Amino acid sequence: MSSFFEGLCYAILEASAMGIATIATNIGGTNYSVKDGKTGILIEPGNLELLAEKLFYLIDNPDKLKEMGETARMRFLNLFTKKQMLTNIDALYNRLLASR
């Protein structure tokens, strides 16, 4: 399996639930769980210079880091809790049935 594939990463969701912003590589489904500049930062795989730059940026900007973490938590609560996911699946099934 390639290191350039990732489904929905539970570690990112767990960090979001705790109000922690993440820096992640922009592969697979990662861009669904991390919204670049809003809930964390996405970088291209192998770009170590950009990774270091973004790490130092967040270290130097703790208010931005906190804001991203709070936004990540709100996004988690709106999209990824079990209750919300079941509600979304139910709504999808109802739309599919209504379109028949």
PDB file of N, CA and C in Angstrom:
ATOM      1  N   MET A   1       0.848  -1.175   0.000  1.00  0.00           N
ATOM      2  CA  MET A   1       0.000   0.000   0.000  1.00  0.00           C
ATOM      3  C   MET A   1       0.893   1.237   0.000  1.00  0.00           C
ATOM      4  N   SER A   2       0.522   2.211  -0.789  1.00  0.00           N
ATOM      5  CA  SER A   2       1.285   3.443  -0.914  1.00  0.00           C
ATOM      6  C   SER A   2       1.120   4.317   0.317  1.00  0.00           C
ATOM      7  N   SER A   3       2.150   5.092   0.617  1.00  0.00           N
ATOM      8  CA  SER A   3       2.042   6.046   1.712  1.00  0.00           C
ATOM      9  C   SER A   3       1.314   7.306   1.253  1.00  0.00           C
ATOM     10  N   PHE A   4       0.815   7.307   0.019  1.00  0.00           N
ATOM     11  CA  PHE A   4       0.080   8.454  -0.513  1.00  0.00           C
ATOM     12  C   PHE A   4      -1.425   8.203  -0.504  1.00  0.00           C
ATOM     13  N   PHE A   5      -1.890   7.284   0.331  1.00  0.00           N
ATOM     14  CA  PHE A   5      -3.314   7.006   0.448  1.00  0.00           C
ATOM     15  C   PHE A   5      -3.716   7.066   1.913  1.00  0.00           C
ATOM     16  N   GLU A   6      -4.813   7.692   2.167  1.00  0.00           N
ATOM     17  CA  GLU A   6      -5.369   7.742   3.525  1.00  0.00           C
ATOM     18  C   GLU A   6      -6.865   7.878   3.372  1.00  0.00           C
ATOM     19  N   GLY A   7      -7.598   7.079   4.104  1.00  0.00           N
ATOM     20  CA  GLY A   7      -9.038   7.232   4.125  1.00  0.00           C
ATOM     21  C   GLY A   7      -9.399   8.336   5.112  1.00  0.00           C
ATOM     22  N   LEU A   8     -10.433   8.133   5.854  1.00  0.00           N
ATOM     23  CA  LEU A   8     -10.817   9.089   6.886  1.00  0.00           C
ATOM     24  C   LEU A   8     -10.005   8.755   8.134  1.00  0.00           C
ATOM     25  N   CYS A   9      -9.078   9.616   8.469  1.00  0.00           N
ATOM     26  CA  CYS A   9      -8.118   9.350   9.542  1.00  0.00           C
ATOM     27  C   CYS A   9      -8.746   9.601  10.914  1.00  0.00           C
ATOM     28  N   TYR A  10      -8.862   8.551  11.705  1.00  0.00           N
ATOM     29  CA  TYR A  10      -9.456   8.687  13.042  1.00  0.00           C
ATOM     30  C   TYR A  10      -8.607   9.538  13.977  1.00  0.00           C
ATOM     31  N   ALA A  11      -7.294   9.518  13.816  1.00  0.00           N
ATOM     32  CA  ALA A  11      -6.441  10.339  14.680  1.00  0.00           C
ATOM     33  C   ALA A  11      -6.747  11.817  14.496  1.00  0.00           C
ATOM     34  N   ILE A  12      -7.003  12.229  13.258  1.00  0.00           N
ATOM     35  CA  ILE A  12      -7.367  13.629  13.007  1.00  0.00           C
ATOM     36  C   ILE A  12      -8.717  13.934  13.625  1.00  0.00           C
ATOM     37  N   LEU A  13      -9.673  13.031  13.477  1.00  0.00           N
ATOM     38  CA  LEU A  13     -10.995  13.250  14.079  1.00  0.00           C
ATOM     39  C   LEU A  13     -10.908  13.312  15.600  1.00  0.00           C
ATOM     40  N   GLU A  14     -10.079  12.459  16.187  1.00  0.00           N
ATOM     41  CA  GLU A  14      -9.910  12.478  17.645  1.00  0.00           C
ATOM     42  C   GLU A  14      -9.277  13.786  18.094  1.00  0.00           C
ATOM     43  N   ALA A  15      -8.297  14.273  17.354  1.00  0.00           N
ATOM     44  CA  ALA A  15      -7.688  15.566  17.681  1.00  0.00           C
ATOM     45  C   ALA A  15      -8.728  16.675  17.558  1.00  0.00           C
ATOM     46  N   SER A  16      -9.510  16.639  16.500  1.00  0.00           N
ATOM     47  CA  SER A  16     -10.553  17.656  16.303  1.00  0.00           C
ATOM     48  C   SER A  16     -11.555  17.645  17.449  1.00  0.00           C
ATOM     49  N   ALA A  17     -11.945  16.470  17.873  1.00  0.00           N
ATOM     50  CA  ALA A  17     -12.898  16.355  18.983  1.00  0.00           C
ATOM     51  C   ALA A  17     -12.354  16.990  20.258  1.00  0.00           C
ATOM     52  N   MET A  18     -11.027  16.992  20.404  1.00  0.00           N
ATOM     53  CA  MET A  18     -10.376  17.581  21.579  1.00  0.00           C
ATOM     54  C   MET A  18     -10.056  19.058  21.377  1.00  0.00           C
ATOM     55  N   GLY A  19     -10.389  19.593  20.203  1.00  0.00           N
ATOM     56  CA  GLY A  19     -10.103  20.993  19.926  1.00  0.00           C
ATOM     57  C   GLY A  19      -8.658  21.252  19.552  1.00  0.00           C
ATOM     58  N   ILE A  20      -8.028  20.263  18.934  1.00  0.00           N
ATOM     59  CA  ILE A  20      -6.623  20.371  18.541  1.00  0.00           C
ATOM     60  C   ILE A  20      -6.535  20.453  17.022  1.00  0.00           C
ATOM     61  N   ALA A  21      -5.928  21.526  16.528  1.00  0.00           N
ATOM     62  CA  ALA A  21      -5.693  21.661  15.094  1.00  0.00           C
ATOM     63  C   ALA A  21      -4.607  20.671  14.678  1.00  0.00           C
ATOM     64  N   THR A  22      -4.626  20.278  13.414  1.00  0.00           N
ATOM     65  CA  THR A  22      -3.643  19.309  12.936  1.00  0.00           C
ATOM     66  C   THR A  22      -2.920  19.823  11.695  1.00  0.00           C
ATOM     67  N   ILE A  23      -1.710  19.353  11.517  1.00  0.00           N
ATOM     68  CA  ILE A  23      -0.992  19.515  10.261  1.00  0.00           C
ATOM     69  C   ILE A  23      -0.921  18.117   9.666  1.00  0.00           C
ATOM     70  N   ALA A  24      -1.402  17.980   8.438  1.00  0.00           N
ATOM     71  CA  ALA A  24      -1.473  16.659   7.817  1.00  0.00           C
ATOM     72  C   ALA A  24      -1.095  16.755   6.348  1.00  0.00           C
ATOM     73  N   THR A  25      -0.713  15.620   5.785  1.00  0.00           N
ATOM     74  CA  THR A  25      -0.435  15.592   4.357  1.00  0.00           C
ATOM     75  C   THR A  25      -1.742  15.527   3.573  1.00  0.00           C
ATOM     76  N   ASN A  26      -1.768  16.191   2.455  1.00  0.00           N
ATOM     77  CA  ASN A  26      -2.960  16.278   1.625  1.00  0.00           C
ATOM     78  C   ASN A  26      -3.038  15.054   0.722  1.00  0.00           C
ATOM     79  N   ILE A  27      -3.450  13.938   1.312  1.00  0.00           N
ATOM     80  CA  ILE A  27      -3.584  12.678   0.582  1.00  0.00           C
ATOM     81  C   ILE A  27      -4.937  12.057   0.896  1.00  0.00           C
ATOM     82  N   GLY A  28      -5.474  11.316  -0.053  1.00  0.00           N
ATOM     83  CA  GLY A  28      -6.713  10.583   0.161  1.00  0.00           C
ATOM     84  C   GLY A  28      -7.822  11.447   0.740  1.00  0.00           C
ATOM     85  N   GLY A  29      -8.443  10.960   1.817  1.00  0.00           N
ATOM     86  CA  GLY A  29      -9.564  11.643   2.437  1.00  0.00           C
ATOM     87  C   GLY A  29      -9.183  12.658   3.498  1.00  0.00           C
ATOM     88  N   THR A  30      -7.895  12.920   3.635  1.00  0.00           N
ATOM     89  CA  THR A  30      -7.456  13.841   4.676  1.00  0.00           C
ATOM     90  C   THR A  30      -8.056  15.229   4.488  1.00  0.00           C
ATOM     91  N   ASN A  31      -8.224  15.653   3.235  1.00  0.00           N
ATOM     92  CA  ASN A  31      -8.768  16.989   3.011  1.00  0.00           C
ATOM     93  C   ASN A  31     -10.247  17.092   3.377  1.00  0.00           C
ATOM     94  N   TYR A  32     -10.897  15.974   3.650  1.00  0.00           N
ATOM     95  CA  TYR A  32     -12.268  16.013   4.148  1.00  0.00           C
ATOM     96  C   TYR A  32     -12.291  16.305   5.649  1.00  0.00           C
ATOM     97  N   SER A  33     -11.302  15.812   6.365  1.00  0.00           N
ATOM     98  CA  SER A  33     -11.283  16.014   7.812  1.00  0.00           C
ATOM     99  C   SER A  33     -10.475  17.232   8.241  1.00  0.00           C
ATOM    100  N   VAL A  34      -9.579  17.720   7.388  1.00  0.00           N
ATOM    101  CA  VAL A  34      -8.819  18.936   7.692  1.00  0.00           C
ATOM    102  C   VAL A  34      -9.142  19.970   6.626  1.00  0.00           C
ATOM    103  N   LYS A  35      -9.662  21.092   7.036  1.00  0.00           N
ATOM    104  CA  LYS A  35      -9.914  22.198   6.121  1.00  0.00           C
ATOM    105  C   LYS A  35      -8.748  23.165   6.247  1.00  0.00           C
ATOM    106  N   ASP A  36      -7.952  23.219   5.193  1.00  0.00           N
ATOM    107  CA  ASP A  36      -6.698  23.962   5.205  1.00  0.00           C
ATOM    108  C   ASP A  36      -6.904  25.422   5.614  1.00  0.00           C
ATOM    109  N   GLY A  37      -6.187  25.814   6.651  1.00  0.00           N
ATOM    110  CA  GLY A  37      -6.244  27.179   7.142  1.00  0.00           C
ATOM    111  C   GLY A  37      -7.405  27.446   8.078  1.00  0.00           C
ATOM    112  N   LYS A  38      -8.316  26.497   8.214  1.00  0.00           N
ATOM    113  CA  LYS A  38      -9.485  26.679   9.077  1.00  0.00           C
ATOM    114  C   LYS A  38      -9.464  25.743  10.283  1.00  0.00           C
ATOM    115  N   THR A  39      -9.253  24.449  10.039  1.00  0.00           N
ATOM    116  CA  THR A  39      -9.223  23.472  11.134  1.00  0.00           C
ATOM    117  C   THR A  39      -7.838  22.867  11.319  1.00  0.00           C
ATOM    118  N   GLY A  40      -6.925  23.273  10.467  1.00  0.00           N
ATOM    119  CA  GLY A  40      -5.562  22.769  10.498  1.00  0.00           C
ATOM    120  C   GLY A  40      -4.853  23.193   9.234  1.00  0.00           C
ATOM    121  N   ILE A  41      -3.793  22.510   8.925  1.00  0.00           N
ATOM    122  CA  ILE A  41      -2.998  22.854   7.744  1.00  0.00           C
ATOM    123  C   ILE A  41      -2.709  21.586   6.963  1.00  0.00           C
ATOM    124  N   LEU A  42      -2.897  21.674   5.648  1.00  0.00           N
ATOM    125  CA  LEU A  42      -2.563  20.567   4.748  1.00  0.00           C
ATOM    126  C   LEU A  42      -1.290  20.914   3.992  1.00  0.00           C
ATOM    127  N   ILE A  43      -0.411  19.940   3.880  1.00  0.00           N
ATOM    128  CA  ILE A  43       0.805  20.114   3.086  1.00  0.00           C
ATOM    129  C   ILE A  43       0.919  18.938   2.129  1.00  0.00           C
ATOM    130  N   GLU A  44       1.653  19.145   1.076  1.00  0.00           N
ATOM    131  CA  GLU A  44       1.873  18.064   0.112  1.00  0.00           C
ATOM    132  C   GLU A  44       2.878  17.067   0.688  1.00  0.00           C
ATOM    133  N   PRO A  45       2.702  15.787   0.388  1.00  0.00           N
ATOM    134  CA  PRO A  45       3.623  14.774   0.904  1.00  0.00           C
ATOM    135  C   PRO A  45       5.068  15.062   0.506  1.00  0.00           C
ATOM    136  N   GLY A  46       5.974  14.862   1.438  1.00  0.00           N
ATOM    137  CA  GLY A  46       7.395  15.004   1.166  1.00  0.00           C
ATOM    138  C   GLY A  46       7.927  16.420   1.241  1.00  0.00           C
ATOM    139  N   ASN A  47       7.063  17.395   1.467  1.00  0.00           N
ATOM    140  CA  ASN A  47       7.504  18.783   1.516  1.00  0.00           C
ATOM    141  C   ASN A  47       7.917  19.140   2.946  1.00  0.00           C
ATOM    142  N   LEU A  48       9.107  18.712   3.325  1.00  0.00           N
ATOM    143  CA  LEU A  48       9.580  18.905   4.692  1.00  0.00           C
ATOM    144  C   LEU A  48       9.830  20.368   5.022  1.00  0.00           C
ATOM    145  N   GLU A  49      10.236  21.151   4.041  1.00  0.00           N
ATOM    146  CA  GLU A  49      10.457  22.575   4.281  1.00  0.00           C
ATOM    147  C   GLU A  49       9.148  23.271   4.648  1.00  0.00           C
ATOM    148  N   LEU A  50       8.077  22.956   3.923  1.00  0.00           N
ATOM    149  CA  LEU A  50       6.777  23.553   4.224  1.00  0.00           C
ATOM    150  C   LEU A  50       6.264  23.066   5.575  1.00  0.00           C
ATOM    151  N   LEU A  51       6.486  21.802   5.885  1.00  0.00           N
ATOM    152  CA  LEU A  51       6.089  21.272   7.191  1.00  0.00           C
ATOM    153  C   LEU A  51       6.753  22.070   8.304  1.00  0.00           C
ATOM    154  N   ALA A  52       8.051  22.266   8.202  1.00  0.00           N
ATOM    155  CA  ALA A  52       8.781  23.038   9.220  1.00  0.00           C
ATOM    156  C   ALA A  52       8.266  24.466   9.278  1.00  0.00           C
ATOM    157  N   GLU A  53       8.036  25.064   8.120  1.00  0.00           N
ATOM    158  CA  GLU A  53       7.527  26.443   8.072  1.00  0.00           C
ATOM    159  C   GLU A  53       6.186  26.551   8.786  1.00  0.00           C
ATOM    160  N   LYS A  54       5.277  25.617   8.518  1.00  0.00           N
ATOM    161  CA  LYS A  54       3.940  25.657   9.126  1.00  0.00           C
ATOM    162  C   LYS A  54       3.997  25.364  10.626  1.00  0.00           C
ATOM    163  N   LEU A  55       4.874  24.461  11.035  1.00  0.00           N
ATOM    164  CA  LEU A  55       5.040  24.205  12.471  1.00  0.00           C
ATOM    165  C   LEU A  55       5.493  25.466  13.192  1.00  0.00           C
ATOM    166  N   PHE A  56       6.496  26.134  12.651  1.00  0.00           N
ATOM    167  CA  PHE A  56       6.979  27.376  13.267  1.00  0.00           C
ATOM    168  C   PHE A  56       5.916  28.468  13.224  1.00  0.00           C
ATOM    169  N   TYR A  57       5.137  28.503  12.142  1.00  0.00           N
ATOM    170  CA  TYR A  57       4.054  29.483  12.051  1.00  0.00           C
ATOM    171  C   TYR A  57       3.073  29.307  13.210  1.00  0.00           C
ATOM    172  N   LEU A  58       2.668  28.071  13.461  1.00  0.00           N
ATOM    173  CA  LEU A  58       1.708  27.825  14.537  1.00  0.00           C
ATOM    174  C   LEU A  58       2.323  28.060  15.916  1.00  0.00           C
ATOM    175  N   ILE A  59       3.589  27.743  16.075  1.00  0.00           N
ATOM    176  CA  ILE A  59       4.273  28.019  17.345  1.00  0.00           C
ATOM    177  C   ILE A  59       4.302  29.525  17.595  1.00  0.00           C
ATOM    178  N   ASP A  60       4.536  30.288  16.533  1.00  0.00           N
ATOM    179  CA  ASP A  60       4.629  31.742  16.658  1.00  0.00           C
ATOM    180  C   ASP A  60       3.263  32.429  16.712  1.00  0.00           C
ATOM    181  N   ASN A  61       2.195  31.703  16.397  1.00  0.00           N
ATOM    182  CA  ASN A  61       0.841  32.275  16.352  1.00  0.00           C
ATOM    183  C   ASN A  61      -0.129  31.427  17.173  1.00  0.00           C
ATOM    184  N   PRO A  62       0.034  31.417  18.499  1.00  0.00           N
ATOM    185  CA  PRO A  62      -0.812  30.563  19.335  1.00  0.00           C
ATOM    186  C   PRO A  62      -2.299  30.908  19.251  1.00  0.00           C
ATOM    187  N   ASP A  63      -2.628  32.175  18.975  1.00  0.00           N
ATOM    188  CA  ASP A  63      -4.046  32.528  18.830  1.00  0.00           C
ATOM    189  C   ASP A  63      -4.653  31.866  17.602  1.00  0.00           C
ATOM    190  N   LYS A  64      -3.899  31.807  16.514  1.00  0.00           N
ATOM    191  CA  LYS A  64      -4.368  31.136  15.297  1.00  0.00           C
ATOM    192  C   LYS A  64      -4.513  29.638  15.543  1.00  0.00           C
ATOM    193  N   LEU A  65      -3.559  29.065  16.251  1.00  0.00           N
ATOM    194  CA  LEU A  65      -3.622  27.644  16.592  1.00  0.00           C
ATOM    195  C   LEU A  65      -4.872  27.344  17.416  1.00  0.00           C
ATOM    196  N   LYS A  66      -5.141  28.196  18.394  1.00  0.00           N
ATOM    197  CA  LYS A  66      -6.335  28.017  19.233  1.00  0.00           C
ATOM    198  C   LYS A  66      -7.609  28.170  18.413  1.00  0.00           C
ATOM    199  N   GLU A  67      -7.645  29.170  17.539  1.00  0.00           N
ATOM    200  CA  GLU A  67      -8.815  29.385  16.681  1.00  0.00           C
ATOM    201  C   GLU A  67      -9.071  28.175  15.781  1.00  0.00           C
ATOM    202  N   MET A  68      -8.005  27.645  15.187  1.00  0.00           N
ATOM    203  CA  MET A  68      -8.144  26.459  14.332  1.00  0.00           C
ATOM    204  C   MET A  68      -8.658  25.271  15.140  1.00  0.00           C
ATOM    205  N   GLY A  69      -8.149  25.105  16.354  1.00  0.00           N
ATOM    206  CA  GLY A  69      -8.596  24.015  17.203  1.00  0.00           C
ATOM    207  C   GLY A  69     -10.068  24.132  17.555  1.00  0.00           C
ATOM    208  N   GLU A  70     -10.505  25.345  17.866  1.00  0.00           N
ATOM    209  CA  GLU A  70     -11.924  25.561  18.187  1.00  0.00           C
ATOM    210  C   GLU A  70     -12.804  25.298  16.968  1.00  0.00           C
ATOM    211  N   THR A  71     -12.342  25.738  15.800  1.00  0.00           N
ATOM    212  CA  THR A  71     -13.090  25.492  14.565  1.00  0.00           C
ATOM    213  C   THR A  71     -13.137  23.998  14.258  1.00  0.00           C
ATOM    214  N   ALA A  72     -12.026  23.311  14.494  1.00  0.00           N
ATOM    215  CA  ALA A  72     -11.987  21.857  14.275  1.00  0.00           C
ATOM    216  C   ALA A  72     -12.991  21.149  15.182  1.00  0.00           C
ATOM    217  N   ARG A  73     -13.060  21.576  16.435  1.00  0.00           N
ATOM    218  CA  ARG A  73     -14.013  20.963  17.372  1.00  0.00           C
ATOM    219  C   ARG A  73     -15.454  21.188  16.919  1.00  0.00           C
ATOM    220  N   MET A  74     -15.772  22.409  16.504  1.00  0.00           N
ATOM    221  CA  MET A  74     -17.136  22.690  16.047  1.00  0.00           C
ATOM    222  C   MET A  74     -17.470  21.872  14.790  1.00  0.00           C
ATOM    223  N   ARG A  75     -16.507  21.753  13.897  1.00  0.00           N
ATOM    224  CA  ARG A  75     -16.728  20.953  12.685  1.00  0.00           C
ATOM    225  C   ARG A  75     -16.936  19.485  13.057  1.00  0.00           C
ATOM    226  N   PHE A  76     -16.157  18.997  14.002  1.00  0.00           N
ATOM    227  CA  PHE A  76     -16.335  17.617  14.462  1.00  0.00           C
ATOM    228  C   PHE A  76     -17.753  17.417  15.006  1.00  0.00           C
ATOM    229  N   LEU A  77     -18.199  18.330  15.860  1.00  0.00           N
ATOM    230  CA  LEU A  77     -19.528  18.203  16.462  1.00  0.00           C
ATOM    231  C   LEU A  77     -20.636  18.285  15.423  1.00  0.00           C
ATOM    232  N   ASN A  78     -20.415  19.063  14.360  1.00  0.00           N
ATOM    233  CA  ASN A  78     -21.437  19.222  13.322  1.00  0.00           C
ATOM    234  C   ASN A  78     -21.456  18.095  12.302  1.00  0.00           C
ATOM    235  N   LEU A  79     -20.334  17.385  12.160  1.00  0.00           N
ATOM    236  CA  LEU A  79     -20.265  16.378  11.096  1.00  0.00           C
ATOM    237  C   LEU A  79     -19.941  14.964  11.535  1.00  0.00           C
ATOM    238  N   PHE A  80     -19.187  14.792  12.608  1.00  0.00           N
ATOM    239  CA  PHE A  80     -18.577  13.493  12.853  1.00  0.00           C
ATOM    240  C   PHE A  80     -19.016  12.768  14.122  1.00  0.00           C
ATOM    241  N   THR A  81     -19.910  13.326  14.904  1.00  0.00           N
ATOM    242  CA  THR A  81     -20.384  12.560  16.056  1.00  0.00           C
ATOM    243  C   THR A  81     -21.268  11.419  15.551  1.00  0.00           C
ATOM    244  N   LYS A  82     -21.409  10.393  16.354  1.00  0.00           N
ATOM    245  CA  LYS A  82     -22.233   9.254  15.942  1.00  0.00           C
ATOM    246  C   LYS A  82     -23.658   9.714  15.633  1.00  0.00           C
ATOM    247  N   LYS A  83     -24.204  10.548  16.493  1.00  0.00           N
ATOM    248  CA  LYS A  83     -25.572  11.036  16.284  1.00  0.00           C
ATOM    249  C   LYS A  83     -25.680  11.796  14.964  1.00  0.00           C
ATOM    250  N   GLN A  84     -24.711  12.680  14.700  1.00  0.00           N
ATOM    251  CA  GLN A  84     -24.770  13.474  13.471  1.00  0.00           C
ATOM    252  C   GLN A  84     -24.580  12.601  12.238  1.00  0.00           C
ATOM    253  N   MET A  85     -23.685  11.633  12.322  1.00  0.00           N
ATOM    254  CA  MET A  85     -23.472  10.747  11.180  1.00  0.00           C
ATOM    255  C   MET A  85     -24.720   9.918  10.888  1.00  0.00           C
ATOM    256  N   LEU A  86     -25.390   9.424  11.929  1.00  0.00           N
ATOM    257  CA  LEU A  86     -26.626   8.666  11.724  1.00  0.00           C
ATOM    258  C   LEU A  86     -27.725   9.551  11.148  1.00  0.00           C
ATOM    259  N   THR A  87     -27.803  10.782  11.620  1.00  0.00           N
ATOM    260  CA  THR A  87     -28.780  11.734  11.084  1.00  0.00           C
ATOM    261  C   THR A  87     -28.518  11.972   9.601  1.00  0.00           C
ATOM    262  N   ASN A  88     -27.244  12.146   9.231  1.00  0.00           N
ATOM    263  CA  ASN A  88     -26.892  12.380   7.831  1.00  0.00           C
ATOM    264  C   ASN A  88     -27.197  11.168   6.954  1.00  0.00           C
ATOM    265  N   ILE A  89     -26.921   9.978   7.457  1.00  0.00           N
ATOM    266  CA  ILE A  89     -27.210   8.753   6.694  1.00  0.00           C
ATOM    267  C   ILE A  89     -28.719   8.597   6.513  1.00  0.00           C
ATOM    268  N   ASP A  90     -29.471   8.852   7.570  1.00  0.00           N
ATOM    269  CA  ASP A  90     -30.932   8.778   7.498  1.00  0.00           C
ATOM    270  C   ASP A  90     -31.475   9.769   6.464  1.00  0.00           C
ATOM    271  N   ALA A  91     -30.954  10.983   6.467  1.00  0.00           N
ATOM    272  CA  ALA A  91     -31.393  11.996   5.505  1.00  0.00           C
ATOM    273  C   ALA A  91     -31.063  11.568   4.077  1.00  0.00           C
ATOM    274  N   LEU A  92     -29.883  10.975   3.894  1.00  0.00           N
ATOM    275  CA  LEU A  92     -29.494  10.500   2.570  1.00  0.00           C
ATOM    276  C   LEU A  92     -30.448   9.410   2.088  1.00  0.00           C
ATOM    277  N   TYR A  93     -30.741   8.430   2.939  1.00  0.00           N
ATOM    278  CA  TYR A  93     -31.651   7.363   2.569  1.00  0.00           C
ATOM    279  C   TYR A  93     -33.039   7.929   2.232  1.00  0.00           C
ATOM    280  N   ASN A  94     -33.497   8.874   3.017  1.00  0.00           N
ATOM    281  CA  ASN A  94     -34.809   9.480   2.740  1.00  0.00           C
ATOM    282  C   ASN A  94     -34.821  10.211   1.398  1.00  0.00           C
ATOM    283  N   ARG A  95     -33.726  10.920   1.072  1.00  0.00           N
ATOM    284  CA  ARG A  95     -33.641  11.584  -0.243  1.00  0.00           C
ATOM    285  C   ARG A  95     -33.630  10.571  -1.374  1.00  0.00           C
ATOM    286  N   LEU A  96     -32.890   9.483  -1.188  1.00  0.00           N
ATOM    287  CA  LEU A  96     -32.837   8.442  -2.215  1.00  0.00           C
ATOM    288  C   LEU A  96     -34.193   7.790  -2.420  1.00  0.00           C
ATOM    289  N   LEU A  97     -34.895   7.513  -1.334  1.00  0.00           N
ATOM    290  CA  LEU A  97     -36.218   6.900  -1.436  1.00  0.00           C
ATOM    291  C   LEU A  97     -37.220   7.844  -2.080  1.00  0.00           C
ATOM    292  N   ALA A  98     -37.108   9.140  -1.784  1.00  0.00           N
ATOM    293  CA  ALA A  98     -38.038  10.126  -2.337  1.00  0.00           C
ATOM    294  C   ALA A  98     -37.816  10.314  -3.838  1.00  0.00           C
ATOM    295  N   SER A  99     -36.609  10.032  -4.307  1.00  0.00           N
ATOM    296  CA  SER A  99     -36.312  10.238  -5.727  1.00  0.00           C
ATOM    297  C   SER A  99     -36.721   9.051  -6.595  1.00  0.00           C
ATOM    298  N   ARG A 100     -37.225   8.004  -5.990  1.00  0.00           N
ATOM    299  CA  ARG A 100     -37.592   6.792  -6.740  1.00  0.00           C
ATOM    300  C   ARG A 100     -38.839   6.986  -7.508  1.00  0.00           C
TER     301      ARG A 100
END
